[in-house]
């Protein structure tokens, strides 16, 4: 009987945990190493919005995300069955605030694109108003699209971790990795041998990526968000406007966020920028006004050189899965399946945009219209 191949995954966020689950389900033995605790980084934030790209200028990258969103309900139901825990997933749709005539015109022009590109699996319509949005904030109405969903990031990472352990995978927390090379992970206390190594530690994983990709492999974009003690009517859609999201969670609270800060001093402190986010949310959604703030959160989201996720082989038996910035939870499980293909020596069906080579290739200015 052939011995199972081993995989060590560095990082217990969305990319690392979904990769671990996918590899376990394909018969690998899996160990996840986490410097802190499961979901400590960006994957343990408050927001949890799963929203699509706009239905125009279509690309393989947009199709990849569409496929992920359409299959999300089945995937997260499977995680709940394996773990016995809930993840707070719901495909509840989204309201997009239309503050001016220009945005309203663009929104109307996208109806045909949604009908064609989403192939009847979701709709995009423009409404004159909705009770959840202050008409002062949306003088030209709102888009209502039915593709977006929400998830509780902390519940999702906890459920993924439980599913991994229930399938026989190992998660070692408070484990600092000093370096990796083919076949060997050097931890602070001891070396771990592995047939394959996956680097999925987000911003914390930069020192491990430097030998392969240099010092600009990934950087942190600070995000600030808040949780409000208010309950909106069941299945209220996400609300997106003025650069922020309002997410009604299944447990009854509402999260708002977030900032996208490239310059910051303390990555984990909140300040007046978050106050601005909360004020914007309350201006858009009257039901949030006067609500108690139960948590203020700040953290770093990983950004590869380009906004897309980065996925590929770095060396013999060494792989990377990182980046994604705001789209990580929406596409993580599809990234995980593609990563499992790579580990098995197969060619995954993923956009070329995700490759490390693409991330370090200068973008050419495009002329003419995108097809």
Protein backbone atom coordinates (compact mmCIF):
# COMPACT_ATOMS: atom_id res chain seq x y z
CA UNK A 1 0.00 0.00 0.00
CA UNK A 2 1.41 3.39 -1.03
CA UNK A 3 2.15 5.75 1.84
CA UNK A 4 0.20 9.00 1.86
CA UNK A 5 2.12 12.11 0.90
CA UNK A 6 2.49 14.71 3.61
CA UNK A 7 1.75 18.41 3.37
CA UNK A 8 2.68 21.14 5.84
CA UNK A 9 0.67 24.34 5.50
CA UNK A 10 1.99 27.52 7.09
CA UNK A 11 -0.92 29.75 8.08
CA UNK A 12 -4.36 29.04 9.55
CA UNK A 13 -6.38 31.69 7.77
CA UNK A 14 -8.94 31.23 5.01
CA UNK A 15 -6.44 30.13 2.34
CA UNK A 16 -4.49 27.81 4.63
CA UNK A 17 -7.52 26.13 6.20
CA UNK A 18 -9.46 25.59 2.97
CA UNK A 19 -6.27 24.19 1.41
CA UNK A 20 -5.83 21.82 4.34
CA UNK A 21 -9.40 20.56 4.01
CA UNK A 22 -9.10 20.06 0.25
CA UNK A 23 -5.84 18.13 0.61
CA UNK A 24 -7.20 15.95 3.41
CA UNK A 25 -10.17 15.07 1.24
CA UNK A 26 -7.75 13.97 -1.50
CA UNK A 27 -5.90 11.62 0.81
CA UNK A 28 -2.90 13.65 1.94
CA UNK A 29 -1.74 13.82 5.54
CA UNK A 30 -1.89 17.46 6.57
CA UNK A 31 -0.34 19.56 9.31
CA UNK A 32 -1.19 23.26 9.65
CA UNK A 33 1.27 25.49 11.50
CA UNK A 34 -0.01 28.81 12.85
CA UNK A 35 2.12 31.48 14.50
CA UNK A 36 -0.76 32.66 16.67
CA UNK A 37 -4.24 31.11 16.69
CA UNK A 38 -6.68 29.96 14.01
CA UNK A 39 -8.15 32.98 12.26
CA UNK A 40 -5.93 35.49 14.08
CA UNK A 41 -5.19 37.61 11.00
CA UNK A 42 -7.40 39.13 8.35
CA UNK A 43 -9.53 35.96 8.20
CA UNK A 44 -10.67 36.64 11.75
CA UNK A 45 -12.10 40.07 11.04
CA UNK A 46 -15.69 41.27 11.26
CA UNK A 47 -16.94 42.04 7.76
CA UNK A 48 -17.56 38.85 5.75
CA UNK A 49 -19.00 40.33 2.55
CA UNK A 50 -18.98 37.96 -0.46
CA UNK A 51 -19.77 40.13 -3.46
CA UNK A 52 -19.18 39.83 -7.22
CA UNK A 53 -17.40 42.00 -9.70
CA UNK A 54 -19.68 44.18 -11.81
CA UNK A 55 -21.15 42.30 -14.81
CA UNK A 56 -19.20 43.98 -17.59
CA UNK A 57 -15.76 43.77 -19.28
CA UNK A 58 -15.89 40.04 -18.52
CA UNK A 59 -12.70 38.06 -17.90
CA UNK A 60 -11.60 34.61 -16.72
CA UNK A 61 -10.88 36.19 -13.33
CA UNK A 62 -14.47 37.40 -13.02
CA UNK A 63 -15.77 34.03 -14.17
CA UNK A 64 -13.63 32.28 -11.54
CA UNK A 65 -15.17 34.43 -8.82
CA UNK A 66 -18.70 33.96 -10.20
CA UNK A 67 -18.29 30.17 -10.12
CA UNK A 68 -17.06 30.41 -6.52
CA UNK A 69 -20.01 32.52 -5.40
CA UNK A 70 -22.55 30.26 -7.09
CA UNK A 71 -21.15 27.16 -5.38
CA UNK A 72 -20.55 28.79 -1.99
CA UNK A 73 -23.75 27.56 -0.34
CA UNK A 74 -22.97 23.91 -1.07
CA UNK A 75 -19.37 24.28 0.05
CA UNK A 76 -20.17 25.89 3.39
CA UNK A 77 -22.97 23.39 4.06
CA UNK A 78 -20.34 20.70 3.65
CA UNK A 79 -18.03 22.43 6.14
CA UNK A 80 -20.90 22.65 8.61
CA UNK A 81 -21.61 18.93 8.24
CA UNK A 82 -17.96 18.00 8.74
CA UNK A 83 -17.46 20.31 11.71
CA UNK A 84 -20.83 20.35 13.45
CA UNK A 85 -20.54 24.15 13.61
CA UNK A 86 -22.36 26.96 11.83
CA UNK A 87 -20.55 29.49 9.64
CA UNK A 88 -23.22 32.19 9.28
CA UNK A 89 -23.39 31.88 5.49
CA UNK A 90 -26.34 33.33 3.62
CA UNK A 91 -26.83 34.37 0.00
CA UNK A 92 -28.87 37.42 0.87
CA UNK A 93 -28.02 39.73 -2.04
CA UNK A 94 -26.84 43.31 -1.93
CA UNK A 95 -28.15 46.86 -2.21
CA UNK A 96 -25.75 49.26 -3.94
CA UNK A 97 -26.39 52.92 -3.23
CA UNK A 98 -26.70 55.17 -6.31
CA UNK A 99 -25.67 58.67 -5.19
CA UNK A 100 -25.83 60.45 -8.58
CA UNK A 101 -27.18 60.25 -12.10
CA UNK A 102 -23.89 58.97 -13.51
CA UNK A 103 -23.83 55.94 -11.19
CA UNK A 104 -27.52 55.31 -11.91
CA UNK A 105 -26.88 55.33 -15.66
CA UNK A 106 -24.01 52.86 -15.26
CA UNK A 107 -26.17 50.64 -13.07
CA UNK A 108 -28.95 50.52 -15.66
CA UNK A 109 -26.44 49.71 -18.41
CA UNK A 110 -25.27 46.66 -16.43
CA UNK A 111 -28.69 44.97 -16.33
CA UNK A 112 -28.19 43.35 -19.74
CA UNK A 113 -24.68 42.22 -18.79
CA UNK A 114 -25.93 40.56 -15.63
CA UNK A 115 -28.70 38.77 -17.52
CA UNK A 116 -26.21 37.44 -20.05
CA UNK A 117 -23.09 36.79 -17.96
CA UNK A 118 -24.78 35.46 -14.82
CA UNK A 119 -26.84 33.10 -17.00
CA UNK A 120 -30.03 33.38 -14.99
CA UNK A 121 -28.33 32.31 -11.74
CA UNK A 122 -28.69 35.81 -10.23
CA UNK A 123 -30.31 39.11 -11.12
CA UNK A 124 -29.35 42.79 -11.20
CA UNK A 125 -32.10 45.40 -11.06
CA UNK A 126 -32.41 49.08 -10.25
CA UNK A 127 -35.01 50.09 -7.66
CA UNK A 128 -36.22 53.62 -6.92
CA UNK A 129 -35.85 53.06 -3.16
CA UNK A 130 -35.74 50.52 -0.33
CA UNK A 131 -36.78 50.93 3.33
CA UNK A 132 -33.27 49.93 4.46
CA UNK A 133 -31.52 52.86 2.74
CA UNK A 134 -32.09 56.52 3.55
CA UNK A 135 -33.35 58.20 0.34
CA UNK A 136 -31.08 61.15 1.10
CA UNK A 137 -28.09 58.81 0.75
CA UNK A 138 -29.51 57.23 -2.42
CA UNK A 139 -31.29 59.99 -4.36
CA UNK A 140 -31.10 57.94 -7.56
CA UNK A 141 -32.21 54.66 -6.05
CA UNK A 142 -30.34 51.43 -5.43
CA UNK A 143 -29.15 48.39 -7.31
CA UNK A 144 -30.48 45.12 -5.93
CA UNK A 145 -28.41 42.14 -7.02
CA UNK A 146 -29.04 38.61 -5.77
CA UNK A 147 -25.55 37.10 -6.12
CA UNK A 148 -23.86 38.51 -3.00
CA UNK A 149 -23.66 36.64 0.27
CA UNK A 150 -22.35 37.05 3.78
CA UNK A 151 -20.40 34.85 6.15
CA UNK A 152 -19.12 35.18 9.70
CA UNK A 153 -15.32 35.08 9.23
CA UNK A 154 -14.56 33.87 12.76
CA UNK A 155 -17.23 31.20 12.68
CA UNK A 156 -16.04 30.08 9.23
CA UNK A 157 -12.39 29.69 10.28
CA UNK A 158 -13.43 27.88 13.48
CA UNK A 159 -15.61 25.48 11.50
CA UNK A 160 -12.85 24.84 8.96
CA UNK A 161 -10.42 24.07 11.79
CA UNK A 162 -12.89 21.68 13.41
CA UNK A 163 -13.53 19.93 10.09
CA UNK A 164 -9.79 19.50 9.53
CA UNK A 165 -9.31 17.96 12.96
CA UNK A 166 -12.35 15.71 12.52
CA UNK A 167 -10.82 14.36 9.30
CA UNK A 168 -7.52 13.59 11.02
CA UNK A 169 -5.58 16.73 10.16
CA UNK A 170 -3.33 18.40 12.71
CA UNK A 171 -3.28 22.11 13.57
CA UNK A 172 -0.40 23.37 15.71
CA UNK A 173 -0.94 26.87 17.07
CA UNK A 174 1.67 29.20 18.60
CA UNK A 175 4.22 27.73 16.20
CA UNK A 176 6.67 30.14 14.59
CA UNK A 177 8.25 28.99 11.32
CA UNK A 178 11.74 30.38 10.71
CA UNK A 179 12.36 29.09 7.19
CA UNK A 180 11.27 26.54 4.62
CA UNK A 181 13.10 24.58 1.95
CA UNK A 182 12.24 21.58 -0.16
CA UNK A 183 11.12 18.84 2.19
CA UNK A 184 11.75 20.70 5.43
CA UNK A 185 10.02 23.30 7.61
CA UNK A 186 12.27 24.83 10.25
CA UNK A 187 10.21 25.77 13.31
CA UNK A 188 11.62 27.54 16.35
CA UNK A 189 11.65 24.39 18.43
CA UNK A 190 12.06 21.59 15.89
CA UNK A 191 12.27 20.73 12.17
CA UNK A 192 9.31 19.12 10.39
CA UNK A 193 9.79 17.02 7.28
CA UNK A 194 7.16 17.15 4.57
CA UNK A 195 6.75 16.05 0.98
CA UNK A 196 5.02 19.35 0.17
CA UNK A 197 4.91 22.77 1.82
CA UNK A 198 2.28 25.46 1.30
CA UNK A 199 2.96 29.06 2.33
CA UNK A 200 -0.42 30.65 3.14
CA UNK A 201 0.38 32.89 6.08
CA UNK A 202 -0.70 36.22 4.61
CA UNK A 203 1.26 39.25 5.76
CA UNK A 204 2.94 37.21 8.51
CA UNK A 205 4.36 34.92 5.83
CA UNK A 206 6.43 37.57 4.04
CA UNK A 207 9.80 36.51 5.57
CA UNK A 208 9.24 32.98 4.26
CA UNK A 209 8.43 34.26 0.76
CA UNK A 210 11.41 36.61 0.45
CA UNK A 211 13.91 33.90 -0.61
CA UNK A 212 11.58 32.92 -3.46
CA UNK A 213 9.89 36.17 -4.50
CA UNK A 214 11.79 39.01 -2.88
CA UNK A 215 10.75 41.61 -0.30
CA UNK A 216 7.69 42.80 -2.25
CA UNK A 217 5.93 39.44 -2.39
CA UNK A 218 3.08 40.62 -0.17
CA UNK A 219 2.22 43.70 1.83
CA UNK A 220 -0.38 44.58 4.39
CA UNK A 221 -3.34 46.85 3.74
CA UNK A 222 -4.87 47.95 7.01
CA UNK A 223 -8.59 47.58 7.45
CA UNK A 224 -10.77 48.85 10.29
CA UNK A 225 -14.27 47.60 10.99
CA UNK A 226 -16.88 47.62 13.76
CA UNK A 227 -19.68 45.43 15.06
CA UNK A 228 -22.94 47.10 16.09
CA UNK A 229 -25.52 45.68 18.48
CA UNK A 230 -28.55 46.02 16.24
CA UNK A 231 -30.71 43.46 14.49
CA UNK A 232 -32.06 44.13 10.99
CA UNK A 233 -35.01 42.17 9.54
CA UNK A 234 -34.15 38.59 8.56
CA UNK A 235 -32.42 38.23 5.18
CA UNK A 236 -31.84 41.95 4.81
CA UNK A 237 -29.31 42.27 1.96
CA UNK A 238 -25.82 43.62 2.36
CA UNK A 239 -25.66 47.35 1.77
CA UNK A 240 -22.77 48.83 -0.20
CA UNK A 241 -22.27 52.55 -0.58
CA UNK A 242 -19.87 55.47 -0.10
CA UNK A 243 -16.93 53.05 -0.03
CA UNK A 244 -18.21 50.90 2.85
CA UNK A 245 -20.20 47.73 3.53
CA UNK A 246 -23.02 47.08 5.99
CA UNK A 247 -23.39 43.35 6.71
CA UNK A 248 -26.36 41.95 8.68
CA UNK A 249 -25.06 38.76 10.30
CA UNK A 250 -27.12 35.69 11.08
CA UNK A 251 -26.37 35.99 14.80
CA UNK A 252 -28.17 39.32 14.95
CA UNK A 253 -25.44 41.96 14.95
CA UNK A 254 -24.38 44.17 12.04
CA UNK A 255 -20.78 44.73 10.97
CA UNK A 256 -19.58 47.79 9.06
CA UNK A 257 -16.32 48.27 7.27
CA UNK A 258 -13.82 48.81 6.17
CA UNK A 259 -10.97 51.15 5.55
CA UNK A 260 -8.18 50.34 3.08
CA UNK A 261 -5.08 52.02 4.45
CA UNK A 262 -1.69 51.73 2.79
CA UNK A 263 -0.03 54.10 5.28
CA UNK A 264 -0.39 53.37 8.98
CA UNK A 265 1.63 53.33 12.18
CA UNK A 266 -0.13 50.70 14.28
CA UNK A 267 -1.81 47.94 12.25
CA UNK A 268 -4.02 46.81 15.12
CA UNK A 269 -5.34 50.08 16.54
CA UNK A 270 -8.58 51.81 15.59
CA UNK A 271 -8.95 55.55 15.21
CA UNK A 272 -11.05 58.32 13.70
CA UNK A 273 -11.02 56.60 10.29
CA UNK A 274 -13.22 53.91 11.76
CA UNK A 275 -15.43 56.60 13.29
CA UNK A 276 -15.86 57.86 9.72
CA UNK A 277 -16.88 54.40 8.50
CA UNK A 278 -19.49 54.11 11.24
CA UNK A 279 -20.85 57.58 10.45
CA UNK A 280 -21.14 56.70 6.76
CA UNK A 281 -22.99 53.48 7.62
CA UNK A 282 -25.43 55.31 9.87
CA UNK A 283 -26.05 57.94 7.20
CA UNK A 284 -26.95 55.21 4.69
CA UNK A 285 -28.97 52.92 6.97
CA UNK A 286 -31.22 54.71 9.48
CA UNK A 287 -31.69 51.54 11.56
CA UNK A 288 -28.04 51.75 12.67
CA UNK A 289 -28.34 55.18 14.24
CA UNK A 290 -27.85 55.07 17.99
CA UNK A 291 -26.75 51.42 17.97
CA UNK A 292 -24.16 50.40 20.55
CA UNK A 293 -20.69 49.57 19.21
CA UNK A 294 -19.76 46.19 20.67
CA UNK A 295 -16.38 45.79 18.97
CA UNK A 296 -13.85 47.85 17.06
CA UNK A 297 -11.35 45.83 15.00
CA UNK A 298 -8.23 46.54 12.96
CA UNK A 299 -5.87 44.24 11.10
CA UNK A 300 -3.82 43.70 7.97
CA UNK A 301 -5.17 42.11 4.82
CA UNK A 302 -2.57 40.56 2.48
CA UNK A 303 -2.07 42.17 -0.91
CA UNK A 304 0.20 40.56 -3.46
CA UNK A 305 1.88 42.87 -6.00
CA UNK A 306 -1.45 42.90 -7.87
CA UNK A 307 -4.94 42.71 -6.34
CA UNK A 308 -5.61 39.13 -7.45
CA UNK A 309 -4.74 36.13 -5.27
CA UNK A 310 -1.29 34.64 -5.82
CA UNK A 311 -1.17 30.88 -6.37
CA UNK A 312 1.62 28.73 -7.75
CA UNK A 313 4.72 26.62 -7.26
CA UNK A 314 7.81 28.37 -5.91
CA UNK A 315 10.19 25.43 -5.98
CA UNK A 316 10.15 21.66 -5.84
CA UNK A 317 7.37 20.77 -3.40
CA UNK A 318 6.94 24.40 -2.23
CA UNK A 319 3.76 26.32 -3.08
CA UNK A 320 2.24 29.71 -2.31
CA UNK A 321 -1.38 30.74 -1.75
CA UNK A 322 -1.75 34.32 -0.56
CA UNK A 323 -3.07 37.78 -1.42
CA UNK A 324 -6.65 38.30 -2.46
CA UNK A 325 -7.05 41.40 -0.28
CA UNK A 326 -10.85 41.80 -0.07
CA UNK A 327 -11.87 38.68 -2.01
CA UNK A 328 -10.13 35.97 0.02
CA UNK A 329 -13.14 34.36 1.70
CA UNK A 330 -15.18 34.52 -1.50
CA UNK A 331 -12.73 32.45 -3.55
CA UNK A 332 -10.68 30.60 -0.90
CA UNK A 333 -12.18 27.16 -1.42
CA UNK A 334 -11.69 27.36 -5.21
CA UNK A 335 -8.09 28.47 -4.65
CA UNK A 336 -7.78 25.44 -2.36
CA UNK A 337 -9.00 23.03 -5.06
CA UNK A 338 -6.56 24.55 -7.56
CA UNK A 339 -3.75 24.28 -5.03
CA UNK A 340 -4.58 20.61 -4.44
CA UNK A 341 -4.32 20.07 -8.21
CA UNK A 342 -0.87 21.68 -8.19
CA UNK A 343 0.30 19.50 -5.32
CA UNK A 344 -0.92 16.43 -7.23
CA UNK A 345 1.08 17.54 -10.27
CA UNK A 346 -1.97 18.57 -12.30
CA UNK A 347 -2.57 21.79 -14.18
CA UNK A 348 -5.38 23.67 -12.40
CA UNK A 349 -8.04 25.59 -14.26
CA UNK A 350 -7.27 29.04 -12.89
CA UNK A 351 -6.71 32.49 -14.39
CA UNK A 352 -3.11 33.16 -15.44
CA UNK A 353 -3.48 36.38 -13.44
CA UNK A 354 -3.01 34.33 -10.26
CA UNK A 355 0.49 33.07 -11.08
CA UNK A 356 3.52 34.49 -9.24
CA UNK A 357 5.01 35.34 -12.65
CA UNK A 358 2.02 37.52 -13.51
CA UNK A 359 2.23 39.35 -10.19
CA UNK A 360 5.78 40.42 -10.97
CA UNK A 361 5.13 41.37 -14.59
CA UNK A 362 4.56 45.03 -15.29
CA UNK A 363 1.06 45.75 -16.52
CA UNK A 364 0.82 47.09 -20.04
CA UNK A 365 -1.46 49.99 -20.69
CA UNK A 366 -4.43 48.73 -22.64
CA UNK A 367 -5.79 50.58 -25.62
CA UNK A 368 -9.29 50.21 -26.97
CA UNK A 369 -12.18 48.52 -25.26
CA UNK A 370 -11.94 45.33 -23.29
CA UNK A 371 -13.86 42.42 -24.76
